[in-house]
Amino acid sequence: MFLNEKLFTDFLSEKEILWLGIDFSKAKFTKKGFDISQDYLRQLFNEWNLLIISDQKKYDIRLSFRKPIMSYDLSALSKKNRAIRLSGILREHIHLNDLLDEERIRHYISNIEMPQQHRFALLFIVESFDTVIKNGSVWVTIADTATRQTVLCEKFIKVPSGFGTKNYWGRIFYNILFDIKNYSFYRWENLVSKEQ
């Protein structure tokens, strides 16, 4: 986990957050469970992203991140997701320690296109969907849109559930937001308050 204490303190005082979406451009999926077409993969990327916008009561970013105002701009990440090739993300087995870490996330954030409707933006960077061990790992990332600095990034590993590919893996995002609302946000606040 990475936390920029100064920027996170500023983030706590802001009333607005910009939702950039779910980024799959760094993701790896196990071949087992994703024997699908390229077109269906792109459809799933869109549907997972739309879950959070179309069902904001269930996937409540404002409540989880304590922000009364949420805007969204999925354009930059949608473009990245459309460029993904199925053959490039599938693996027989996934070794999490070979994938992303805080340094790679911070470098990635410093180089991506960043809409600037609000000072702070939130995105989920999917690391892996693994049907062999039945879990998904996702980096929850807050960025300063003006400087492209990472405010916070933390990897969450959650268990999927439900019926159908979309709902089964969509549950990961629900579980992450539930965790943040009830536990992790308090932990982040405490980390900052202890330093002051």
Protein backbone atom coordinates (compact mmCIF):
# COMPACT_ATOMS: atom_id res chain seq x y z
CA MET A 1 0.00 0.00 0.00
CA PHE A 2 1.12 3.55 -0.79
CA LEU A 3 -0.33 6.64 0.88
CA ASN A 4 0.78 10.24 0.27
CA GLU A 5 -0.21 11.76 3.61
CA LYS A 6 -0.29 15.40 2.47
CA LEU A 7 -2.38 14.68 -0.63
CA PHE A 8 -4.68 12.29 1.21
CA THR A 9 -5.32 14.97 3.85
CA ASP A 10 -6.28 17.34 1.03
CA PHE A 11 -8.46 14.61 -0.46
CA LEU A 12 -10.35 14.21 2.82
CA SER A 13 -11.42 17.87 2.73
CA GLU A 14 -12.70 17.72 -0.87
CA LYS A 15 -16.41 17.18 -1.51
CA GLU A 16 -16.00 15.90 -5.08
CA ILE A 17 -14.47 12.87 -6.74
CA LEU A 18 -14.10 11.91 -10.38
CA TRP A 19 -14.66 8.26 -11.28
CA LEU A 20 -12.41 7.24 -14.18
CA GLY A 21 -13.57 3.63 -14.31
CA ILE A 22 -12.10 0.15 -14.22
CA ASP A 23 -8.82 -0.22 -16.08
CA PHE A 24 -8.08 -3.68 -17.53
CA SER A 25 -5.01 -2.70 -19.54
CA LYS A 26 -2.63 -4.30 -17.00
CA ALA A 27 -4.82 -7.31 -16.19
CA LYS A 28 -4.10 -11.00 -16.52
CA PHE A 29 -6.89 -13.60 -16.68
CA THR A 30 -6.63 -17.36 -16.40
CA LYS A 31 -7.53 -19.22 -19.60
CA LYS A 32 -9.83 -21.44 -17.57
CA GLY A 33 -13.09 -19.53 -17.31
CA PHE A 34 -12.32 -17.03 -20.06
CA ASP A 35 -12.74 -19.15 -23.16
CA ILE A 36 -14.56 -16.27 -24.87
CA SER A 37 -14.33 -14.16 -28.00
CA GLN A 38 -12.52 -10.84 -28.33
CA ASP A 39 -15.85 -9.07 -28.87
CA TYR A 40 -17.39 -10.60 -25.75
CA LEU A 41 -14.33 -9.58 -23.72
CA ARG A 42 -14.81 -5.95 -24.79
CA GLN A 43 -18.50 -6.21 -23.97
CA LEU A 44 -17.63 -7.45 -20.47
CA PHE A 45 -15.20 -4.56 -19.93
CA ASN A 46 -18.00 -2.13 -20.82
CA GLU A 47 -20.57 -3.92 -18.67
CA TRP A 48 -18.32 -4.05 -15.62
CA ASN A 49 -17.66 -0.33 -15.99
CA LEU A 50 -21.34 0.47 -16.43
CA LEU A 51 -22.28 -1.48 -13.29
CA ILE A 52 -20.92 1.27 -11.08
CA ILE A 53 -22.66 4.05 -12.98
CA SER A 54 -26.00 2.34 -13.59
CA ASP A 55 -26.41 0.93 -10.06
CA GLN A 56 -24.95 3.60 -7.80
CA LYS A 57 -26.96 2.43 -4.79
CA LYS A 58 -25.26 -0.94 -4.87
CA TYR A 59 -21.85 0.26 -6.07
CA ASP A 60 -21.78 3.43 -3.99
CA ILE A 61 -18.52 5.28 -4.50
CA ARG A 62 -19.83 8.41 -2.79
CA LEU A 63 -20.64 6.53 0.41
CA SER A 64 -17.46 4.43 0.39
CA PHE A 65 -15.18 7.44 -0.20
CA ARG A 66 -17.23 9.97 1.82
CA LYS A 67 -17.86 12.29 -1.15
CA PRO A 68 -21.29 13.90 -1.70
CA ILE A 69 -20.50 14.67 -5.34
CA MET A 70 -19.30 12.12 -7.89
CA SER A 71 -18.73 12.80 -11.57
CA TYR A 72 -17.49 10.29 -14.09
CA ASP A 73 -15.46 10.32 -17.26
CA LEU A 74 -14.75 6.84 -18.62
CA SER A 75 -13.36 8.05 -21.96
CA ALA A 76 -9.64 7.57 -21.30
CA LEU A 77 -9.96 4.10 -19.77
CA SER A 78 -12.57 2.96 -22.29
CA LYS A 79 -10.06 3.73 -25.03
CA LYS A 80 -7.40 1.68 -23.23
CA ASN A 81 -9.80 -1.21 -22.62
CA ARG A 82 -10.86 -1.31 -26.28
CA ALA A 83 -7.24 -1.76 -27.33
CA ILE A 84 -6.74 -4.92 -25.24
CA ARG A 85 -6.25 -8.19 -27.10
CA LEU A 86 -7.58 -11.36 -25.50
CA SER A 87 -4.41 -13.26 -26.41
CA GLY A 88 -2.32 -10.71 -24.51
CA ILE A 89 -4.03 -11.12 -21.15
CA LEU A 90 -4.67 -14.87 -20.87
CA ARG A 91 -2.41 -17.13 -18.79
CA GLU A 92 -2.57 -20.79 -17.79
CA HIS A 93 -1.56 -19.81 -14.26
CA ILE A 94 -1.15 -16.41 -12.64
CA HIS A 95 1.63 -15.64 -10.19
CA LEU A 96 0.61 -12.47 -8.36
CA ASN A 97 4.13 -11.62 -7.27
CA ASP A 98 5.09 -11.26 -10.95
CA LEU A 99 2.43 -8.66 -11.67
CA LEU A 100 1.91 -5.15 -10.28
CA ASP A 101 3.34 -3.37 -7.26
CA GLU A 102 3.11 0.14 -5.80
CA GLU A 103 6.00 1.49 -7.84
CA ARG A 104 4.51 0.26 -11.12
CA ILE A 105 1.11 1.71 -10.23
CA ARG A 106 2.63 5.10 -9.41
CA HIS A 107 4.64 5.13 -12.63
CA TYR A 108 1.56 4.16 -14.61
CA ILE A 109 -0.56 6.92 -13.02
CA SER A 110 2.11 9.53 -13.80
CA ASN A 111 1.79 8.73 -17.51
CA ILE A 112 -1.92 8.20 -18.20
CA GLU A 113 -4.40 10.63 -19.69
CA MET A 114 -6.18 12.31 -16.79
CA PRO A 115 -9.42 14.31 -17.20
CA GLN A 116 -9.49 17.23 -14.77
CA GLN A 117 -13.13 17.94 -13.88
CA HIS A 118 -12.20 17.57 -10.19
CA ARG A 119 -8.90 17.67 -8.36
CA PHE A 120 -9.04 14.00 -7.31
CA ALA A 121 -9.91 10.97 -9.40
CA LEU A 122 -10.53 7.34 -8.54
CA LEU A 123 -9.86 4.32 -10.69
CA PHE A 124 -9.68 0.57 -10.18
CA ILE A 125 -6.72 -1.09 -11.91
CA VAL A 126 -7.44 -4.79 -12.31
CA GLU A 127 -4.38 -6.95 -11.72
CA SER A 128 -5.89 -10.41 -12.19
CA PHE A 129 -9.04 -12.49 -12.42
CA ASP A 130 -8.00 -16.01 -11.46
CA THR A 131 -10.57 -18.78 -11.85
CA VAL A 132 -8.10 -21.41 -10.61
CA ILE A 133 -7.86 -20.01 -7.07
CA LYS A 134 -11.16 -18.10 -7.39
CA ASN A 135 -10.11 -14.57 -6.60
CA GLY A 136 -9.61 -11.21 -8.22
CA SER A 137 -6.95 -8.66 -7.34
CA VAL A 138 -7.60 -4.98 -7.98
CA TRP A 139 -5.58 -1.86 -7.18
CA VAL A 140 -7.79 0.89 -5.76
CA THR A 141 -6.07 4.10 -6.82
CA ILE A 142 -6.71 7.76 -6.07
CA ALA A 143 -4.82 10.31 -8.17
CA ASP A 144 -4.30 14.07 -8.18
CA THR A 145 -5.54 14.96 -11.67
CA ALA A 146 -3.44 18.12 -12.01
CA THR A 147 -0.08 16.60 -11.09
CA ARG A 148 -0.79 12.92 -11.90
CA GLN A 149 0.59 12.01 -8.51
CA THR A 150 -0.71 8.94 -6.76
CA VAL A 151 -2.55 9.88 -3.58
CA LEU A 152 -3.25 6.30 -2.55
CA CYS A 153 -2.97 2.85 -4.04
CA GLU A 154 -3.75 -0.43 -2.34
CA LYS A 155 -4.29 -3.92 -3.65
CA PHE A 156 -7.52 -5.65 -2.67
CA ILE A 157 -7.98 -9.38 -3.19
CA LYS A 158 -11.61 -10.49 -3.14
CA VAL A 159 -13.60 -13.63 -3.89
CA PRO A 160 -16.12 -13.48 -6.78
CA SER A 161 -19.62 -14.92 -6.55
CA GLY A 162 -22.88 -15.07 -8.45
CA PHE A 163 -24.16 -16.44 -11.74
CA GLY A 164 -22.82 -15.60 -15.18
CA THR A 165 -19.41 -14.16 -15.98
CA LYS A 166 -20.48 -10.52 -15.65
CA ASN A 167 -22.13 -10.89 -12.23
CA TYR A 168 -19.59 -13.40 -10.91
CA TRP A 169 -16.62 -11.06 -11.41
CA GLY A 170 -18.67 -7.90 -10.87
CA ARG A 171 -19.08 -9.02 -7.28
CA ILE A 172 -15.38 -8.28 -6.77
CA PHE A 173 -16.04 -4.54 -7.20
CA TYR A 174 -19.01 -4.64 -4.85
CA ASN A 175 -16.90 -6.42 -2.22
CA ILE A 176 -14.13 -3.85 -2.55
CA LEU A 177 -16.49 -0.89 -2.10
CA PHE A 178 -18.12 -2.64 0.88
CA ASP A 179 -14.69 -3.18 2.46
CA ILE A 180 -13.69 0.46 1.93
CA LYS A 181 -16.98 1.80 3.30
CA ASN A 182 -16.84 -0.32 6.47
CA TYR A 183 -13.16 -0.81 7.19
CA SER A 184 -10.44 0.51 4.91
CA PHE A 185 -11.43 4.17 4.77
CA TYR A 186 -11.27 4.38 8.56
CA ARG A 187 -7.85 2.73 8.43
CA TRP A 188 -6.59 5.27 5.88
CA GLU A 189 -7.91 8.17 7.96
CA ASN A 190 -6.20 6.78 11.05
CA LEU A 191 -2.88 6.48 9.22
CA VAL A 192 -3.02 10.17 8.37
CA SER A 193 -4.22 11.33 11.78
CA LYS A 194 -1.40 9.47 13.53
CA GLU A 195 1.16 11.38 11.48
CA GLN A 196 -0.26 14.80 12.46
